[in-house]
Amino acid sequence: QVQLVESGGGLVQAGGSLRLSCTASGRTFSSYAMGWFRQAPGKEREFVAAIIWSSESTYYADSVKGRFTISRDNAKNTVYLQMNSLKPEDTAVYYCAADRKAYYRGSYYSYDFGSWGQGTQVTVSS
């Protein structure tokens, strides 16, 4: 059983930065894909970024490319999402996700991931 705990959300002005953390436990994550998704009120959960734990290959949604960076710290079993140049449309609950069998096919989808964190709120004011 994989446990994921997110932290780092908050309120920030447009143009500002936040760093989200996702600490994982319960497994050896060397073969896992770790992803970040977000869900705004009234909208479906959407893919933001992902990293393959072993290869450190990274993937991003077009809407965040060049602004967000995903990374991982092997020693801390933690995945980070550095978010810069934040926009009001980035406002959402951000979720960390993990799965051993998630494969990138041009994007990731919620159903690709079996383990989820509780979410952390990110609010960007204009």
Protein backbone atom coordinates (compact mmCIF):
# COMPACT_ATOMS: atom_id res chain seq x y z
CA GLN A 1 0.00 0.00 0.00
CA VAL A 2 1.38 3.37 -1.05
CA GLN A 3 0.84 6.42 1.12
CA LEU A 4 1.25 9.90 -0.34
CA VAL A 5 1.21 13.12 1.67
CA GLU A 6 1.25 16.51 -0.06
CA SER A 7 2.25 19.83 1.44
CA GLY A 8 3.22 23.31 0.35
CA GLY A 9 0.00 24.75 -0.98
CA GLY A 10 -1.20 28.22 -0.10
CA LEU A 11 -2.22 31.65 -1.34
CA VAL A 12 0.09 33.56 -3.66
CA GLN A 13 -0.21 36.56 -5.95
CA ALA A 14 -0.05 36.18 -9.71
CA GLY A 15 3.56 35.96 -10.84
CA GLY A 16 4.64 34.38 -7.59
CA SER A 17 6.02 30.92 -6.81
CA LEU A 18 5.17 27.92 -4.67
CA ARG A 19 6.80 24.54 -4.18
CA LEU A 20 4.65 21.51 -3.51
CA SER A 21 6.03 18.38 -1.88
CA CYS A 22 4.77 14.82 -1.98
CA THR A 23 6.32 12.37 0.46
CA ALA A 24 5.78 8.73 -0.38
CA SER A 25 5.95 5.66 1.85
CA GLY A 26 5.03 2.01 1.82
CA ARG A 27 6.94 0.84 -1.24
CA THR A 28 10.19 0.99 -3.11
CA PHE A 29 9.46 3.56 -5.77
CA SER A 30 12.29 2.83 -8.18
CA SER A 31 9.91 1.63 -10.91
CA TYR A 32 7.10 4.08 -10.25
CA ALA A 33 5.71 7.00 -12.18
CA MET A 34 4.89 9.90 -9.86
CA GLY A 35 2.44 12.51 -11.07
CA TRP A 36 0.84 15.78 -10.13
CA PHE A 37 -2.75 16.49 -11.11
CA ARG A 38 -5.03 19.39 -10.29
CA GLN A 39 -8.74 19.97 -10.06
CA ALA A 40 -10.42 23.35 -10.13
CA PRO A 41 -14.03 23.83 -8.95
CA GLY A 42 -16.48 22.50 -11.50
CA LYS A 43 -13.75 21.02 -13.69
CA GLU A 44 -12.32 17.59 -14.23
CA ARG A 45 -9.03 16.53 -12.71
CA GLU A 46 -6.24 17.26 -15.16
CA PHE A 47 -2.65 16.16 -15.61
CA VAL A 48 0.05 18.67 -14.66
CA ALA A 49 3.41 16.89 -14.55
CA ALA A 50 5.01 13.50 -13.98
CA ILE A 51 8.39 11.96 -13.35
CA ILE A 52 9.63 8.41 -13.75
CA TRP A 53 11.39 7.65 -10.49
CA SER A 54 14.21 5.53 -11.94
CA SER A 55 15.04 7.43 -15.12
CA GLU A 56 14.01 10.91 -13.97
CA SER A 57 12.24 11.38 -17.30
CA THR A 58 9.78 14.22 -16.94
CA TYR A 59 6.52 15.12 -18.65
CA TYR A 60 4.42 18.27 -18.53
CA ALA A 61 1.06 19.54 -19.63
CA ASP A 62 1.35 22.28 -22.25
CA SER A 63 -0.30 24.75 -19.89
CA VAL A 64 2.59 24.56 -17.40
CA LYS A 65 5.63 23.95 -19.60
CA GLY A 66 8.38 26.43 -18.89
CA ARG A 67 6.77 27.49 -15.59
CA PHE A 68 6.59 24.29 -13.52
CA THR A 69 9.38 21.83 -12.75
CA ILE A 70 8.96 18.36 -11.29
CA SER A 71 11.84 16.68 -9.48
CA ARG A 72 12.48 14.01 -6.90
CA ASP A 73 14.74 13.44 -3.93
CA ASN A 74 15.56 9.75 -3.69
CA ALA A 75 16.87 9.92 -0.14
CA LYS A 76 13.69 11.58 1.12
CA ASN A 77 11.24 9.61 -1.05
CA THR A 78 9.82 12.98 -2.01
CA VAL A 79 8.63 14.47 -5.27
CA TYR A 80 8.50 18.23 -5.72
CA LEU A 81 6.57 20.53 -8.01
CA GLN A 82 8.21 23.93 -8.30
CA MET A 83 5.63 26.36 -9.66
CA ASN A 84 6.82 29.72 -10.97
CA SER A 85 5.05 32.57 -12.76
CA LEU A 86 1.78 31.44 -11.29
CA LYS A 87 -1.46 32.56 -12.89
CA PRO A 88 -4.99 32.79 -11.48
CA GLU A 89 -5.97 29.88 -13.74
CA ASP A 90 -3.50 27.69 -11.82
CA THR A 91 -5.84 27.88 -8.84
CA ALA A 92 -6.91 24.34 -7.93
CA VAL A 93 -6.48 21.49 -5.51
CA TYR A 94 -3.25 19.75 -6.44
CA TYR A 95 -2.95 16.01 -5.99
CA CYS A 96 0.07 13.74 -5.96
CA ALA A 97 -0.33 10.32 -7.56
CA ALA A 98 1.76 7.17 -7.98
CA ASP A 99 1.59 3.98 -9.97
CA ARG A 100 3.94 1.25 -11.03
CA LYS A 101 2.19 0.71 -14.35
CA ALA A 102 1.45 4.22 -15.58
CA TYR A 103 2.78 4.71 -19.10
CA TYR A 104 3.04 8.00 -20.90
CA ARG A 105 0.97 8.12 -24.11
CA GLY A 106 1.14 11.79 -24.97
CA SER A 107 -0.36 12.59 -21.58
CA TYR A 108 -1.30 10.91 -18.33
CA TYR A 109 -4.84 10.45 -17.11
CA SER A 110 -6.34 10.04 -13.65
CA TYR A 111 -7.14 6.38 -14.31
CA ASP A 112 -3.45 5.67 -14.93
CA PHE A 113 -2.71 6.12 -11.23
CA GLY A 114 -3.88 3.92 -8.38
CA SER A 115 -2.54 5.80 -5.37
CA TRP A 116 -3.44 9.37 -4.47
CA GLY A 117 -2.69 11.91 -1.80
CA GLN A 118 -5.30 13.99 -0.03
CA GLY A 119 -4.62 17.14 -2.07
CA THR A 120 -3.34 20.59 -1.23
CA GLN A 121 -5.03 23.87 -2.17
CA VAL A 122 -3.22 26.38 -4.36
CA THR A 123 -4.87 29.77 -4.79
CA VAL A 124 -3.42 32.44 -7.08
CA SER A 125 -4.87 35.91 -6.71
CA SER A 126 -4.89 38.43 -9.54
